[in-house]
């Protein structure tokens, strides 16, 4: 069975987290979980149905709980996007998993 997902990390999990040519690093900052995944080989890209490249998944609770938490989450997200985008001046950011 083929799982269709937009998230590279979900595609990797569907393969039981065992795909050669993929590096994953996870860290936590406060209550925010950041997973950095890099697909390094064409074979891994085909297996995951994703392009070779870097993917970041940021998991956080409601950012509407308080202004300080919202500012901290926004700063962290901005930092990750900046690092990933490099010299590009624009980026597409998509928020999913939102009940609204």
C-alpha atoms as a PDB file:
ATOM      1  CA  UNK A   1       0.000   0.000   0.000  1.00  0.00           C
ATOM      2  CA  UNK A   2       1.260   3.489  -0.889  1.00  0.00           C
ATOM      3  CA  UNK A   3       0.786   6.248   1.668  1.00  0.00           C
ATOM      4  CA  UNK A   4       0.203   9.688   0.161  1.00  0.00           C
ATOM      5  CA  UNK A   5       1.440  12.439   2.452  1.00  0.00           C
ATOM      6  CA  UNK A   6       2.874  15.916   2.010  1.00  0.00           C
ATOM      7  CA  UNK A   7       5.134  15.501   5.039  1.00  0.00           C
ATOM      8  CA  UNK A   8       8.505  13.901   4.380  1.00  0.00           C
ATOM      9  CA  UNK A   9       8.702  12.790   8.023  1.00  0.00           C
ATOM     10  CA  UNK A  10       5.399  10.878   7.683  1.00  0.00           C
ATOM     11  CA  UNK A  11       6.637   9.183   4.514  1.00  0.00           C
ATOM     12  CA  UNK A  12       9.761   8.135   6.415  1.00  0.00           C
ATOM     13  CA  UNK A  13       7.706   6.841   9.359  1.00  0.00           C
ATOM     14  CA  UNK A  14       5.565   4.799   6.957  1.00  0.00           C
ATOM     15  CA  UNK A  15       8.799   2.982   6.031  1.00  0.00           C
ATOM     16  CA  UNK A  16       9.324   2.160   9.731  1.00  0.00           C
ATOM     17  CA  UNK A  17      11.975   4.882   9.912  1.00  0.00           C
ATOM     18  CA  UNK A  18      14.435   2.695   8.052  1.00  0.00           C
ATOM     19  CA  UNK A  19      15.476   4.306   4.790  1.00  0.00           C
ATOM     20  CA  UNK A  20      19.127   4.370   3.770  1.00  0.00           C
ATOM     21  CA  UNK A  21      20.244   7.770   2.527  1.00  0.00           C
ATOM     22  CA  UNK A  22      18.148   9.753   5.026  1.00  0.00           C
ATOM     23  CA  UNK A  23      19.487  11.683   8.012  1.00  0.00           C
ATOM     24  CA  UNK A  24      17.121  12.791  10.774  1.00  0.00           C
ATOM     25  CA  UNK A  25      17.832  15.018  13.761  1.00  0.00           C
ATOM     26  CA  UNK A  26      15.216  15.931  16.346  1.00  0.00           C
ATOM     27  CA  UNK A  27      15.504  18.530  19.060  1.00  0.00           C
ATOM     28  CA  UNK A  28      13.163  20.253  21.468  1.00  0.00           C
ATOM     29  CA  UNK A  29      13.152  23.946  22.333  1.00  0.00           C
ATOM     30  CA  UNK A  30      10.775  24.660  25.178  1.00  0.00           C
ATOM     31  CA  UNK A  31       7.639  22.755  24.136  1.00  0.00           C
ATOM     32  CA  UNK A  32       8.399  22.914  20.408  1.00  0.00           C
ATOM     33  CA  UNK A  33       9.670  19.814  18.609  1.00  0.00           C
ATOM     34  CA  UNK A  34      11.852  20.437  15.535  1.00  0.00           C
ATOM     35  CA  UNK A  35      12.685  17.553  13.207  1.00  0.00           C
ATOM     36  CA  UNK A  36      15.251  18.140  10.474  1.00  0.00           C
ATOM     37  CA  UNK A  37      15.305  15.512   7.770  1.00  0.00           C
ATOM     38  CA  UNK A  38      17.641  15.364   4.798  1.00  0.00           C
ATOM     39  CA  UNK A  39      17.041  13.026   1.875  1.00  0.00           C
ATOM     40  CA  UNK A  40      20.518  12.547   0.442  1.00  0.00           C
ATOM     41  CA  UNK A  41      20.167   9.947  -2.314  1.00  0.00           C
ATOM     42  CA  UNK A  42      17.969   9.422  -5.362  1.00  0.00           C
ATOM     43  CA  UNK A  43      17.146   5.909  -4.124  1.00  0.00           C
ATOM     44  CA  UNK A  44      15.817   7.293  -0.819  1.00  0.00           C
ATOM     45  CA  UNK A  45      13.916  10.016  -2.705  1.00  0.00           C
ATOM     46  CA  UNK A  46      12.166   7.408  -4.865  1.00  0.00           C
ATOM     47  CA  UNK A  47      11.319   5.255  -1.860  1.00  0.00           C
ATOM     48  CA  UNK A  48       9.778   8.230  -0.019  1.00  0.00           C
ATOM     49  CA  UNK A  49       8.267   9.864  -3.130  1.00  0.00           C
ATOM     50  CA  UNK A  50      10.017  13.112  -2.152  1.00  0.00           C
ATOM     51  CA  UNK A  51      12.798  15.086  -3.801  1.00  0.00           C
ATOM     52  CA  UNK A  52      16.372  14.979  -2.567  1.00  0.00           C
ATOM     53  CA  UNK A  53      16.682  17.882  -0.149  1.00  0.00           C
ATOM     54  CA  UNK A  54      16.141  19.206   3.351  1.00  0.00           C
ATOM     55  CA  UNK A  55      12.805  19.116   5.164  1.00  0.00           C
ATOM     56  CA  UNK A  56      11.876  20.647   8.510  1.00  0.00           C
ATOM     57  CA  UNK A  57       8.833  19.725  10.575  1.00  0.00           C
ATOM     58  CA  UNK A  58       7.962  21.967  13.518  1.00  0.00           C
ATOM     59  CA  UNK A  59       5.374  20.640  15.969  1.00  0.00           C
ATOM     60  CA  UNK A  60       3.851  22.966  18.516  1.00  0.00           C
ATOM     61  CA  UNK A  61       0.697  23.362  20.523  1.00  0.00           C
ATOM     62  CA  UNK A  62      -1.710  26.239  20.162  1.00  0.00           C
ATOM     63  CA  UNK A  63       0.179  29.469  19.531  1.00  0.00           C
ATOM     64  CA  UNK A  64      -2.859  31.417  20.681  1.00  0.00           C
ATOM     65  CA  UNK A  65      -2.336  30.477  24.345  1.00  0.00           C
ATOM     66  CA  UNK A  66      -0.238  33.523  25.143  1.00  0.00           C
ATOM     67  CA  UNK A  67       1.646  36.341  23.482  1.00  0.00           C
ATOM     68  CA  UNK A  68       5.059  35.304  24.845  1.00  0.00           C
ATOM     69  CA  UNK A  69       4.616  31.745  23.567  1.00  0.00           C
ATOM     70  CA  UNK A  70       3.411  33.025  20.202  1.00  0.00           C
ATOM     71  CA  UNK A  71       6.391  35.356  19.833  1.00  0.00           C
ATOM     72  CA  UNK A  72       8.802  32.577  20.767  1.00  0.00           C
ATOM     73  CA  UNK A  73       7.246  30.122  18.313  1.00  0.00           C
ATOM     74  CA  UNK A  74       7.190  32.732  15.539  1.00  0.00           C
ATOM     75  CA  UNK A  75      10.857  33.568  16.131  1.00  0.00           C
ATOM     76  CA  UNK A  76      11.837  29.899  16.062  1.00  0.00           C
ATOM     77  CA  UNK A  77       9.888  29.277  12.852  1.00  0.00           C
ATOM     78  CA  UNK A  78      11.411  32.389  11.234  1.00  0.00           C
ATOM     79  CA  UNK A  79      14.898  31.230  12.209  1.00  0.00           C
ATOM     80  CA  UNK A  80      14.369  27.763  10.713  1.00  0.00           C
ATOM     81  CA  UNK A  81      12.945  29.206   7.484  1.00  0.00           C
ATOM     82  CA  UNK A  82      15.838  31.648   7.204  1.00  0.00           C
ATOM     83  CA  UNK A  83      18.392  28.890   7.686  1.00  0.00           C
ATOM     84  CA  UNK A  84      16.667  26.669   5.135  1.00  0.00           C
ATOM     85  CA  UNK A  85      16.060  29.398   2.533  1.00  0.00           C
ATOM     86  CA  UNK A  86      19.660  30.620   2.448  1.00  0.00           C
ATOM     87  CA  UNK A  87      19.974  33.348  -0.188  1.00  0.00           C
ATOM     88  CA  UNK A  88      16.382  33.093  -1.448  1.00  0.00           C
ATOM     89  CA  UNK A  89      14.290  36.172  -0.755  1.00  0.00           C
ATOM     90  CA  UNK A  90      10.893  34.415  -0.678  1.00  0.00           C
ATOM     91  CA  UNK A  91       9.566  31.180   0.764  1.00  0.00           C
ATOM     92  CA  UNK A  92       6.271  29.327   0.833  1.00  0.00           C
ATOM     93  CA  UNK A  93       5.198  28.354   4.347  1.00  0.00           C
ATOM     94  CA  UNK A  94       2.255  26.042   4.954  1.00  0.00           C
ATOM     95  CA  UNK A  95       0.610  25.363   8.307  1.00  0.00           C
ATOM     96  CA  UNK A  96      -1.208  22.037   8.464  1.00  0.00           C
ATOM     97  CA  UNK A  97      -2.876  20.072  11.194  1.00  0.00           C
ATOM     98  CA  UNK A  98      -4.967  23.057  12.111  1.00  0.00           C
ATOM     99  CA  UNK A  99      -8.550  22.236  13.140  1.00  0.00           C
ATOM    100  CA  UNK A 100      -9.692  25.655  11.894  1.00  0.00           C
END
